[in-house]
Structure formats: structure tokens, C-alpha cells
Amino acid sequence: MSGSAFSSYAVVPSPAVSFEHGKDKVTRFPVTKNAVKTFCQRCGTPLFNTNELYPGLTMLYLGVIDGHASLVPKSNIYCSSKLAWVDELATAKTFAHSRNDS
């Protein structure tokens, strides 16, 4: 659903979610029988997901939350489908930025 090996969300009560700007640019797409992805129709940025299996909860993508860098994970779910190399990431060579970044 995320197009990547990971998805990082903050799960919040749905009534706590509101838009300060751009509500008219938001669209939804049903990705499964139960799950709906909400995103910006102009740029495609994912905003949040909802799932009928978790009524009353909204899964906000961390990037849409001011101060997301200070949030600390409390759980890790869907580990049964985790890629085999995920546990090795802590020992992988890291780079501060892409070679092409200036």
C-alpha cells in the first residue's frame, strides 16, 4: 500500500484529524475492501489511511505531522511480511545524502 519496504504512521482517533489548508485538494482511493488511502490530488502526497477493521482510528503518515522527528515508535506491526534484510539495516553502510545532492 505504501510502495516501499516500510510505512511509518501515527495512529490517532479520527475526530482529531482536521485540515488547516487544502481540503479541496484531498482525494480518497479505496485500496482494499476495508482500507482507504487519502492523498493530495495535486501532488500525490499520501496523508493518511483509514481501515474499517480499525473503526474510529486514522493512520497519519509521519511526514504530515509537524514535529514528526521527535516521535518515537511504540510498536512494529505486520512483521510476518517483513523483508529478510530489515534486521540488518543497523549495520548497513549509511550516507548523509545522495552523491548527486549538492
PDB file of N, CA and C in Angstrom:
ATOM      1  N   MET A   1       0.814  -1.194   0.000  1.00  0.00           N
ATOM      2  CA  MET A   1       0.000   0.000   0.000  1.00  0.00           C
ATOM      3  C   MET A   1       0.859   1.259   0.000  1.00  0.00           C
ATOM      4  N   SER A   2       2.099   1.150   0.489  1.00  0.00           N
ATOM      5  CA  SER A   2       2.957   2.328   0.528  1.00  0.00           C
ATOM      6  C   SER A   2       3.929   2.383  -0.643  1.00  0.00           C
ATOM      7  N   GLY A   3       4.128   1.260  -1.316  1.00  0.00           N
ATOM      8  CA  GLY A   3       5.089   1.228  -2.402  1.00  0.00           C
ATOM      9  C   GLY A   3       6.524   1.136  -1.921  1.00  0.00           C
ATOM     10  N   SER A   4       6.732   0.831  -0.651  1.00  0.00           N
ATOM     11  CA  SER A   4       8.083   0.719  -0.116  1.00  0.00           C
ATOM     12  C   SER A   4       8.153  -0.415   0.897  1.00  0.00           C
ATOM     13  N   ALA A   5       9.328  -0.617   1.443  1.00  0.00           N
ATOM     14  CA  ALA A   5       9.516  -1.672   2.442  1.00  0.00           C
ATOM     15  C   ALA A   5       8.929  -1.286   3.797  1.00  0.00           C
ATOM     16  N   PHE A   6       8.668  -0.004   4.010  1.00  0.00           N
ATOM     17  CA  PHE A   6       8.189   0.483   5.299  1.00  0.00           C
ATOM     18  C   PHE A   6       7.066   1.492   5.132  1.00  0.00           C
ATOM     19  N   SER A   7       6.264   1.584   6.140  1.00  0.00           N
ATOM     20  CA  SER A   7       5.306   2.679   6.286  1.00  0.00           C
ATOM     21  C   SER A   7       5.366   3.094   7.735  1.00  0.00           C
ATOM     22  N   SER A   8       5.522   4.377   7.969  1.00  0.00           N
ATOM     23  CA  SER A   8       5.572   4.883   9.330  1.00  0.00           C
ATOM     24  C   SER A   8       4.365   5.779   9.565  1.00  0.00           C
ATOM     25  N   TYR A   9       3.559   5.383  10.528  1.00  0.00           N
ATOM     26  CA  TYR A   9       2.315   6.096  10.821  1.00  0.00           C
ATOM     27  C   TYR A   9       2.235   6.466  12.292  1.00  0.00           C
ATOM     28  N   ALA A  10       1.430   7.452  12.555  1.00  0.00           N
ATOM     29  CA  ALA A  10       0.960   7.743  13.908  1.00  0.00           C
ATOM     30  C   ALA A  10      -0.533   7.438  13.879  1.00  0.00           C
ATOM     31  N   VAL A  11      -0.971   6.569  14.751  1.00  0.00           N
ATOM     32  CA  VAL A  11      -2.381   6.196  14.808  1.00  0.00           C
ATOM     33  C   VAL A  11      -3.074   7.109  15.811  1.00  0.00           C
ATOM     34  N   VAL A  12      -4.107   7.809  15.352  1.00  0.00           N
ATOM     35  CA  VAL A  12      -4.809   8.787  16.187  1.00  0.00           C
ATOM     36  C   VAL A  12      -6.315   8.577  16.067  1.00  0.00           C
ATOM     37  N   PRO A  13      -7.070   9.050  17.048  1.00  0.00           N
ATOM     38  CA  PRO A  13      -8.532   8.999  16.929  1.00  0.00           C
ATOM     39  C   PRO A  13      -8.968   9.850  15.729  1.00  0.00           C
ATOM     40  N   SER A  14      -9.843   9.328  14.913  1.00  0.00           N
ATOM     41  CA  SER A  14     -10.278  10.037  13.703  1.00  0.00           C
ATOM     42  C   SER A  14     -10.805  11.449  13.958  1.00  0.00           C
ATOM     43  N   PRO A  15     -11.550  11.695  15.054  1.00  0.00           N
ATOM     44  CA  PRO A  15     -12.030  13.065  15.276  1.00  0.00           C
ATOM     45  C   PRO A  15     -10.905  14.087  15.488  1.00  0.00           C
ATOM     46  N   ALA A  16      -9.683  13.614  15.767  1.00  0.00           N
ATOM     47  CA  ALA A  16      -8.558  14.529  15.979  1.00  0.00           C
ATOM     48  C   ALA A  16      -7.950  15.016  14.661  1.00  0.00           C
ATOM     49  N   VAL A  17      -8.378  14.440  13.538  1.00  0.00           N
ATOM     50  CA  VAL A  17      -7.810  14.797  12.231  1.00  0.00           C
ATOM     51  C   VAL A  17      -8.634  15.901  11.594  1.00  0.00           C
ATOM     52  N   SER A  18      -7.942  16.977  11.216  1.00  0.00           N
ATOM     53  CA  SER A  18      -8.606  18.076  10.514  1.00  0.00           C
ATOM     54  C   SER A  18      -7.607  18.698   9.547  1.00  0.00           C
ATOM     55  N   PHE A  19      -8.101  19.496   8.641  1.00  0.00           N
ATOM     56  CA  PHE A  19      -7.255  20.155   7.656  1.00  0.00           C
ATOM     57  C   PHE A  19      -7.187  21.633   7.962  1.00  0.00           C
ATOM     58  N   GLU A  20      -5.979  22.181   7.940  1.00  0.00           N
ATOM     59  CA  GLU A  20      -5.810  23.621   8.098  1.00  0.00           C
ATOM     60  C   GLU A  20      -5.939  24.312   6.746  1.00  0.00           C
ATOM     61  N   HIS A  21      -5.453  23.651   5.693  1.00  0.00           N
ATOM     62  CA  HIS A  21      -5.467  24.213   4.345  1.00  0.00           C
ATOM     63  C   HIS A  21      -5.629  23.082   3.338  1.00  0.00           C
ATOM     64  N   GLY A  22      -6.165  23.390   2.190  1.00  0.00           N
ATOM     65  CA  GLY A  22      -6.163  22.478   1.060  1.00  0.00           C
ATOM     66  C   GLY A  22      -7.152  21.337   1.095  1.00  0.00           C
ATOM     67  N   LYS A  23      -8.163  21.421   1.929  1.00  0.00           N
ATOM     68  CA  LYS A  23      -9.133  20.322   1.999  1.00  0.00           C
ATOM     69  C   LYS A  23      -9.745  20.020   0.628  1.00  0.00           C
ATOM     70  N   ASP A  24      -9.891  21.037  -0.207  1.00  0.00           N
ATOM     71  CA  ASP A  24     -10.467  20.848  -1.541  1.00  0.00           C
ATOM     72  C   ASP A  24      -9.523  20.110  -2.493  1.00  0.00           C
ATOM     73  N   LYS A  25      -8.268  19.930  -2.097  1.00  0.00           N
ATOM     74  CA  LYS A  25      -7.282  19.211  -2.915  1.00  0.00           C
ATOM     75  C   LYS A  25      -7.085  17.768  -2.453  1.00  0.00           C
ATOM     76  N   VAL A  26      -7.857  17.333  -1.478  1.00  0.00           N
ATOM     77  CA  VAL A  26      -7.709  15.993  -0.910  1.00  0.00           C
ATOM     78  C   VAL A  26      -8.661  15.030  -1.597  1.00  0.00           C
ATOM     79  N   THR A  27      -8.156  13.855  -1.910  1.00  0.00           N
ATOM     80  CA  THR A  27      -8.992  12.824  -2.511  1.00  0.00           C
ATOM     81  C   THR A  27      -8.722  11.487  -1.834  1.00  0.00           C
ATOM     82  N   ARG A  28      -9.625  10.553  -2.033  1.00  0.00           N
ATOM     83  CA  ARG A  28      -9.522   9.233  -1.403  1.00  0.00           C
ATOM     84  C   ARG A  28      -9.569   8.152  -2.466  1.00  0.00           C
ATOM     85  N   PHE A  29      -8.884   7.044  -2.173  1.00  0.00           N
ATOM     86  CA  PHE A  29      -8.886   5.913  -3.094  1.00  0.00           C
ATOM     87  C   PHE A  29      -9.003   4.627  -2.289  1.00  0.00           C
ATOM     88  N   PRO A  30      -9.995   3.792  -2.581  1.00  0.00           N
ATOM     89  CA  PRO A  30     -10.117   2.511  -1.864  1.00  0.00           C
ATOM     90  C   PRO A  30      -9.045   1.545  -2.373  1.00  0.00           C
ATOM     91  N   VAL A  31      -8.125   1.141  -1.496  1.00  0.00           N
ATOM     92  CA  VAL A  31      -7.034   0.266  -1.911  1.00  0.00           C
ATOM     93  C   VAL A  31      -7.312  -1.207  -1.614  1.00  0.00           C
ATOM     94  N   THR A  32      -8.201  -1.471  -0.686  1.00  0.00           N
ATOM     95  CA  THR A  32      -8.663  -2.832  -0.412  1.00  0.00           C
ATOM     96  C   THR A  32     -10.141  -2.746  -0.069  1.00  0.00           C
ATOM     97  N   LYS A  33     -10.730  -3.879   0.248  1.00  0.00           N
ATOM     98  CA  LYS A  33     -12.141  -3.897   0.647  1.00  0.00           C
ATOM     99  C   LYS A  33     -12.372  -3.033   1.887  1.00  0.00           C
ATOM    100  N   ASN A  34     -11.374  -2.955   2.771  1.00  0.00           N
ATOM    101  CA  ASN A  34     -11.529  -2.238   4.034  1.00  0.00           C
ATOM    102  C   ASN A  34     -10.745  -0.932   4.126  1.00  0.00           C
ATOM    103  N   ALA A  35      -9.665  -0.798   3.363  1.00  0.00           N
ATOM    104  CA  ALA A  35      -8.749   0.334   3.542  1.00  0.00           C
ATOM    105  C   ALA A  35      -8.930   1.403   2.470  1.00  0.00           C
ATOM    106  N   VAL A  36      -8.827   2.655   2.916  1.00  0.00           N
ATOM    107  CA  VAL A  36      -8.918   3.810   2.023  1.00  0.00           C
ATOM    108  C   VAL A  36      -7.695   4.685   2.246  1.00  0.00           C
ATOM    109  N   LYS A  37      -7.031   5.050   1.162  1.00  0.00           N
ATOM    110  CA  LYS A  37      -5.868   5.947   1.209  1.00  0.00           C
ATOM    111  C   LYS A  37      -6.349   7.354   0.872  1.00  0.00           C
ATOM    112  N   THR A  38      -5.929   8.324   1.659  1.00  0.00           N
ATOM    113  CA  THR A  38      -6.268   9.726   1.439  1.00  0.00           C
ATOM    114  C   THR A  38      -4.986  10.465   1.072  1.00  0.00           C
ATOM    115  N   PHE A  39      -5.038  11.240  -0.013  1.00  0.00           N
ATOM    116  CA  PHE A  39      -3.824  11.891  -0.504  1.00  0.00           C
ATOM    117  C   PHE A  39      -4.159  13.197  -1.212  1.00  0.00           C
ATOM    118  N   CYS A  40      -3.116  13.987  -1.473  1.00  0.00           N
ATOM    119  CA  CYS A  40      -3.272  15.238  -2.209  1.00  0.00           C
ATOM    120  C   CYS A  40      -3.430  14.908  -3.683  1.00  0.00           C
ATOM    121  N   GLN A  41      -4.529  15.351  -4.274  1.00  0.00           N
ATOM    122  CA  GLN A  41      -4.766  15.062  -5.687  1.00  0.00           C
ATOM    123  C   GLN A  41      -3.857  15.867  -6.603  1.00  0.00           C
ATOM    124  N   ARG A  42      -3.265  16.930  -6.105  1.00  0.00           N
ATOM    125  CA  ARG A  42      -2.380  17.762  -6.923  1.00  0.00           C
ATOM    126  C   ARG A  42      -0.977  17.175  -7.030  1.00  0.00           C
ATOM    127  N   CYS A  43      -0.409  16.744  -5.895  1.00  0.00           N
ATOM    128  CA  CYS A  43       0.980  16.267  -5.917  1.00  0.00           C
ATOM    129  C   CYS A  43       1.124  14.785  -5.582  1.00  0.00           C
ATOM    130  N   GLY A  44       0.061  14.151  -5.095  1.00  0.00           N
ATOM    131  CA  GLY A  44       0.113  12.723  -4.785  1.00  0.00           C
ATOM    132  C   GLY A  44       0.638  12.384  -3.408  1.00  0.00           C
ATOM    133  N   THR A  45       0.965  13.374  -2.600  1.00  0.00           N
ATOM    134  CA  THR A  45       1.489  13.099  -1.263  1.00  0.00           C
ATOM    135  C   THR A  45       0.462  12.338  -0.434  1.00  0.00           C
ATOM    136  N   PRO A  46       0.845  11.160   0.102  1.00  0.00           N
ATOM    137  CA  PRO A  46      -0.087  10.430   0.967  1.00  0.00           C
ATOM    138  C   PRO A  46      -0.251  11.165   2.295  1.00  0.00           C
ATOM    139  N   LEU A  47      -1.473  11.265   2.781  1.00  0.00           N
ATOM    140  CA  LEU A  47      -1.758  11.973   4.018  1.00  0.00           C
ATOM    141  C   LEU A  47      -2.091  11.006   5.151  1.00  0.00           C
ATOM    142  N   PHE A  48      -3.074  10.143   4.905  1.00  0.00           N
ATOM    143  CA  PHE A  48      -3.447   9.169   5.923  1.00  0.00           C
ATOM    144  C   PHE A  48      -4.246   8.041   5.311  1.00  0.00           C
ATOM    145  N   ASN A  49      -4.388   6.977   6.085  1.00  0.00           N
ATOM    146  CA  ASN A  49      -5.208   5.835   5.691  1.00  0.00           C
ATOM    147  C   ASN A  49      -6.250   5.587   6.768  1.00  0.00           C
ATOM    148  N   THR A  50      -7.372   5.041   6.358  1.00  0.00           N
ATOM    149  CA  THR A  50      -8.376   4.556   7.301  1.00  0.00           C
ATOM    150  C   THR A  50      -8.677   3.111   6.922  1.00  0.00           C
ATOM    151  N   ASN A  51      -9.164   2.361   7.888  1.00  0.00           N
ATOM    152  CA  ASN A  51      -9.436   0.955   7.661  1.00  0.00           C
ATOM    153  C   ASN A  51     -10.650   0.567   8.491  1.00  0.00           C
ATOM    154  N   GLU A  52     -11.649  -0.017   7.858  1.00  0.00           N
ATOM    155  CA  GLU A  52     -12.868  -0.412   8.562  1.00  0.00           C
ATOM    156  C   GLU A  52     -12.596  -1.424   9.664  1.00  0.00           C
ATOM    157  N   LEU A  53     -11.468  -2.122   9.588  1.00  0.00           N
ATOM    158  CA  LEU A  53     -11.109  -3.072  10.641  1.00  0.00           C
ATOM    159  C   LEU A  53     -10.689  -2.360  11.925  1.00  0.00           C
ATOM    160  N   TYR A  54     -10.381  -1.060  11.814  1.00  0.00           N
ATOM    161  CA  TYR A  54      -9.984  -0.239  12.966  1.00  0.00           C
ATOM    162  C   TYR A  54     -10.855   1.011  13.012  1.00  0.00           C
ATOM    163  N   PRO A  55     -12.135   0.838  13.289  1.00  0.00           N
ATOM    164  CA  PRO A  55     -13.052   1.985  13.258  1.00  0.00           C
ATOM    165  C   PRO A  55     -12.655   3.057  14.272  1.00  0.00           C
ATOM    166  N   GLY A  56     -12.796   4.304  13.843  1.00  0.00           N
ATOM    167  CA  GLY A  56     -12.507   5.424  14.731  1.00  0.00           C
ATOM    168  C   GLY A  56     -11.041   5.800  14.806  1.00  0.00           C
ATOM    169  N   LEU A  57     -10.192   5.104  14.034  1.00  0.00           N
ATOM    170  CA  LEU A  57      -8.764   5.411  14.044  1.00  0.00           C
ATOM    171  C   LEU A  57      -8.310   5.848  12.658  1.00  0.00           C
ATOM    172  N   THR A  58      -7.339   6.739  12.624  1.00  0.00           N
ATOM    173  CA  THR A  58      -6.734   7.209  11.386  1.00  0.00           C
ATOM    174  C   THR A  58      -5.239   7.015  11.489  1.00  0.00           C
ATOM    175  N   MET A  59      -4.631   6.481  10.418  1.00  0.00           N
ATOM    176  CA  MET A  59      -3.201   6.253  10.365  1.00  0.00           C
ATOM    177  C   MET A  59      -2.563   7.383   9.563  1.00  0.00           C
ATOM    178  N   LEU A  60      -2.002   8.366  10.276  1.00  0.00           N
ATOM    179  CA  LEU A  60      -1.363   9.516   9.635  1.00  0.00           C
ATOM    180  C   LEU A  60       0.049   9.161   9.215  1.00  0.00           C
ATOM    181  N   TYR A  61       0.411   9.460   7.985  1.00  0.00           N
ATOM    182  CA  TYR A  61       1.808   9.316   7.579  1.00  0.00           C
ATOM    183  C   TYR A  61       2.628  10.319   8.387  1.00  0.00           C
ATOM    184  N   LEU A  62       3.758   9.879   8.899  1.00  0.00           N
ATOM    185  CA  LEU A  62       4.553  10.739   9.781  1.00  0.00           C
ATOM    186  C   LEU A  62       4.948  12.056   9.140  1.00  0.00           C
ATOM    187  N   GLY A  63       5.207  12.053   7.845  1.00  0.00           N
ATOM    188  CA  GLY A  63       5.648  13.268   7.173  1.00  0.00           C
ATOM    189  C   GLY A  63       4.650  14.413   7.181  1.00  0.00           C
ATOM    190  N   VAL A  64       3.393  14.151   7.486  1.00  0.00           N
ATOM    191  CA  VAL A  64       2.391  15.222   7.502  1.00  0.00           C
ATOM    192  C   VAL A  64       2.226  15.833   8.887  1.00  0.00           C
ATOM    193  N   ILE A  65       2.977  15.330   9.862  1.00  0.00           N
ATOM    194  CA  ILE A  65       2.848  15.799  11.240  1.00  0.00           C
ATOM    195  C   ILE A  65       3.995  16.745  11.564  1.00  0.00           C
ATOM    196  N   ASP A  66       3.672  17.979  11.977  1.00  0.00           N
ATOM    197  CA  ASP A  66       4.712  18.886  12.452  1.00  0.00           C
ATOM    198  C   ASP A  66       5.386  18.236  13.652  1.00  0.00           C
ATOM    199  N   GLY A  67       6.716  18.250  13.670  1.00  0.00           N
ATOM    200  CA  GLY A  67       7.455  17.677  14.787  1.00  0.00           C
ATOM    201  C   GLY A  67       7.589  16.168  14.731  1.00  0.00           C
ATOM    202  N   HIS A  68       7.373  15.571  13.552  1.00  0.00           N
ATOM    203  CA  HIS A  68       7.422  14.114  13.440  1.00  0.00           C
ATOM    204  C   HIS A  68       8.777  13.520  13.827  1.00  0.00           C
ATOM    205  N   ALA A  69       9.845  14.278  13.690  1.00  0.00           N
ATOM    206  CA  ALA A  69      11.175  13.743  14.011  1.00  0.00           C
ATOM    207  C   ALA A  69      11.329  13.425  15.501  1.00  0.00           C
ATOM    208  N   SER A  70      10.501  14.028  16.329  1.00  0.00           N
ATOM    209  CA  SER A  70      10.607  13.775  17.773  1.00  0.00           C
ATOM    210  C   SER A  70       9.743  12.598  18.234  1.00  0.00           C
ATOM    211  N   LEU A  71       8.928  12.042  17.342  1.00  0.00           N
ATOM    212  CA  LEU A  71       8.081  10.909  17.721  1.00  0.00           C
ATOM    213  C   LEU A  71       8.913   9.637  17.806  1.00  0.00           C
ATOM    214  N   VAL A  72       8.589   8.776  18.770  1.00  0.00           N
ATOM    215  CA  VAL A  72       9.308   7.523  18.979  1.00  0.00           C
ATOM    216  C   VAL A  72       8.333   6.361  18.793  1.00  0.00           C
ATOM    217  N   PRO A  73       8.690   5.371  17.976  1.00  0.00           N
ATOM    218  CA  PRO A  73       7.778   4.242  17.754  1.00  0.00           C
ATOM    219  C   PRO A  73       7.480   3.481  19.034  1.00  0.00           C
ATOM    220  N   LYS A  74       6.237   3.000  19.138  1.00  0.00           N
ATOM    221  CA  LYS A  74       5.834   2.190  20.283  1.00  0.00           C
ATOM    222  C   LYS A  74       5.515   0.760  19.884  1.00  0.00           C
ATOM    223  N   SER A  75       5.351   0.523  18.580  1.00  0.00           N
ATOM    224  CA  SER A  75       5.072  -0.841  18.124  1.00  0.00           C
ATOM    225  C   SER A  75       5.496  -0.996  16.671  1.00  0.00           C
ATOM    226  N   ASN A  76       5.639  -2.243  16.276  1.00  0.00           N
ATOM    227  CA  ASN A  76       6.008  -2.602  14.917  1.00  0.00           C
ATOM    228  C   ASN A  76       5.052  -3.715  14.499  1.00  0.00           C
ATOM    229  N   ILE A  77       4.247  -3.454  13.476  1.00  0.00           N
ATOM    230  CA  ILE A  77       3.240  -4.439  13.093  1.00  0.00           C
ATOM    231  C   ILE A  77       3.512  -5.002  11.702  1.00  0.00           C
ATOM    232  N   TYR A  78       2.803  -6.036  11.359  1.00  0.00           N
ATOM    233  CA  TYR A  78       2.948  -6.746  10.086  1.00  0.00           C
ATOM    234  C   TYR A  78       4.352  -7.325   9.911  1.00  0.00           C
ATOM    235  N   CYS A  79       4.961  -7.747  11.013  1.00  0.00           N
ATOM    236  CA  CYS A  79       6.316  -8.297  10.950  1.00  0.00           C
ATOM    237  C   CYS A  79       6.376  -9.646  10.243  1.00  0.00           C
ATOM    238  N   SER A  80       5.254 -10.315  10.101  1.00  0.00           N
ATOM    239  CA  SER A  80       5.266 -11.605   9.403  1.00  0.00           C
ATOM    240  C   SER A  80       5.606 -11.433   7.925  1.00  0.00           C
ATOM    241  N   SER A  81       5.389 -10.238   7.370  1.00  0.00           N
ATOM    242  CA  SER A  81       5.725  -9.995   5.972  1.00  0.00           C
ATOM    243  C   SER A  81       7.000  -9.149   5.824  1.00  0.00           C
ATOM    244  N   LYS A  82       7.724  -8.991   6.912  1.00  0.00           N
ATOM    245  CA  LYS A  82       8.961  -8.197   6.909  1.00  0.00           C
ATOM    246  C   LYS A  82       9.982  -8.810   5.952  1.00  0.00           C
ATOM    247  N   LEU A  83      10.658  -7.973   5.194  1.00  0.00           N
ATOM    248  CA  LEU A  83      11.710  -8.446   4.302  1.00  0.00           C
ATOM    249  C   LEU A  83      12.882  -8.979   5.126  1.00  0.00           C
ATOM    250  N   ALA A  84      13.525 -10.017   4.622  1.00  0.00           N
ATOM    251  CA  ALA A  84      14.579 -10.708   5.372  1.00  0.00           C
ATOM    252  C   ALA A  84      15.734  -9.799   5.772  1.00  0.00           C
ATOM    253  N   TRP A  85      16.033  -8.775   4.998  1.00  0.00           N
ATOM    254  CA  TRP A  85      17.190  -7.925   5.274  1.00  0.00           C
ATOM    255  C   TRP A  85      16.925  -6.782   6.242  1.00  0.00           C
ATOM    256  N   VAL A  86      15.708  -6.609   6.667  1.00  0.00           N
ATOM    257  CA  VAL A  86      15.361  -5.469   7.523  1.00  0.00           C
ATOM    258  C   VAL A  86      16.176  -5.454   8.818  1.00  0.00           C
ATOM    259  N   ASP A  87      16.366  -6.595   9.439  1.00  0.00           N
ATOM    260  CA  ASP A  87      17.111  -6.635  10.695  1.00  0.00           C
ATOM    261  C   ASP A  87      18.588  -6.278  10.525  1.00  0.00           C
ATOM    262  N   GLU A  88      19.080  -6.296   9.305  1.00  0.00           N
ATOM    263  CA  GLU A  88      20.486  -5.971   9.039  1.00  0.00           C
ATOM    264  C   GLU A  88      20.712  -4.482   8.764  1.00  0.00           C
ATOM    265  N   LEU A  89      19.669  -3.682   8.701  1.00  0.00           N
ATOM    266  CA  LEU A  89      19.816  -2.263   8.362  1.00  0.00           C
ATOM    267  C   LEU A  89      20.711  -1.502   9.331  1.00  0.00           C
ATOM    268  N   ALA A  90      20.691  -1.868  10.595  1.00  0.00           N
ATOM    269  CA  ALA A  90      21.503  -1.158  11.583  1.00  0.00           C
ATOM    270  C   ALA A  90      22.992  -1.275  11.287  1.00  0.00           C
ATOM    271  N   THR A  91      23.401  -2.308  10.570  1.00  0.00           N
ATOM    272  CA  THR A  91      24.825  -2.498  10.261  1.00  0.00           C
ATOM    273  C   THR A  91      25.170  -2.103   8.825  1.00  0.00           C
ATOM    274  N   ALA A  92      24.200  -1.641   8.046  1.00  0.00           N
ATOM    275  CA  ALA A  92      24.448  -1.255   6.652  1.00  0.00           C
ATOM    276  C   ALA A  92      25.211   0.057   6.575  1.00  0.00           C
ATOM    277  N   LYS A  93      25.990   0.204   5.534  1.00  0.00           N
ATOM    278  CA  LYS A  93      26.702   1.454   5.288  1.00  0.00           C
ATOM    279  C   LYS A  93      25.670   2.558   5.083  1.00  0.00           C
ATOM    280  N   THR A  94      25.888   3.718   5.647  1.00  0.00           N
ATOM    281  CA  THR A  94      24.930   4.822   5.539  1.00  0.00           C
ATOM    282  C   THR A  94      25.582   6.048   4.912  1.00  0.00           C
ATOM    283  N   PHE A  95      24.754   6.880   4.312  1.00  0.00           N
ATOM    284  CA  PHE A  95      25.224   8.097   3.658  1.00  0.00           C
ATOM    285  C   PHE A  95      24.325   9.243   4.112  1.00  0.00           C
ATOM    286  N   ALA A  96      24.893  10.398   4.347  1.00  0.00           N
ATOM    287  CA  ALA A  96      24.117  11.563   4.785  1.00  0.00           C
ATOM    288  C   ALA A  96      23.196  12.074   3.690  1.00  0.00           C
ATOM    289  N   HIS A  97      23.579  11.869   2.419  1.00  0.00           N
ATOM    290  CA  HIS A  97      22.769  12.322   1.292  1.00  0.00           C
ATOM    291  C   HIS A  97      23.215  11.585   0.040  1.00  0.00           C
ATOM    292  N   SER A  98      22.484  11.774  -1.030  1.00  0.00           N
ATOM    293  CA  SER A  98      22.816  11.159  -2.309  1.00  0.00           C
ATOM    294  C   SER A  98      24.077  11.788  -2.876  1.00  0.00           C
ATOM    295  N   ARG A  99      24.804  11.042  -3.628  1.00  0.00           N
ATOM    296  CA  ARG A  99      26.011  11.555  -4.276  1.00  0.00           C
ATOM    297  C   ARG A  99      25.672  12.730  -5.191  1.00  0.00           C
ATOM    298  N   ASN A 100      24.455  12.751  -5.732  1.00  0.00           N
ATOM    299  CA  ASN A 100      24.047  13.810  -6.652  1.00  0.00           C
ATOM    300  C   ASN A 100      23.503  15.040  -5.947  1.00  0.00           C
ATOM    301  N   ASP A 101      23.262  14.948  -4.621  1.00  0.00           N
ATOM    302  CA  ASP A 101      22.789  16.123  -3.882  1.00  0.00           C
ATOM    303  C   ASP A 101      23.922  17.108  -3.714  1.00  0.00           C
ATOM    304  N   SER A 102      23.611  18.397  -3.792  1.00  0.00           N
ATOM    305  CA  SER A 102      24.677  19.382  -3.605  1.00  0.00           C
ATOM    306  C   SER A 102      24.573  20.002  -2.232  1.00  0.00           C
TER     307      SER A 102
END
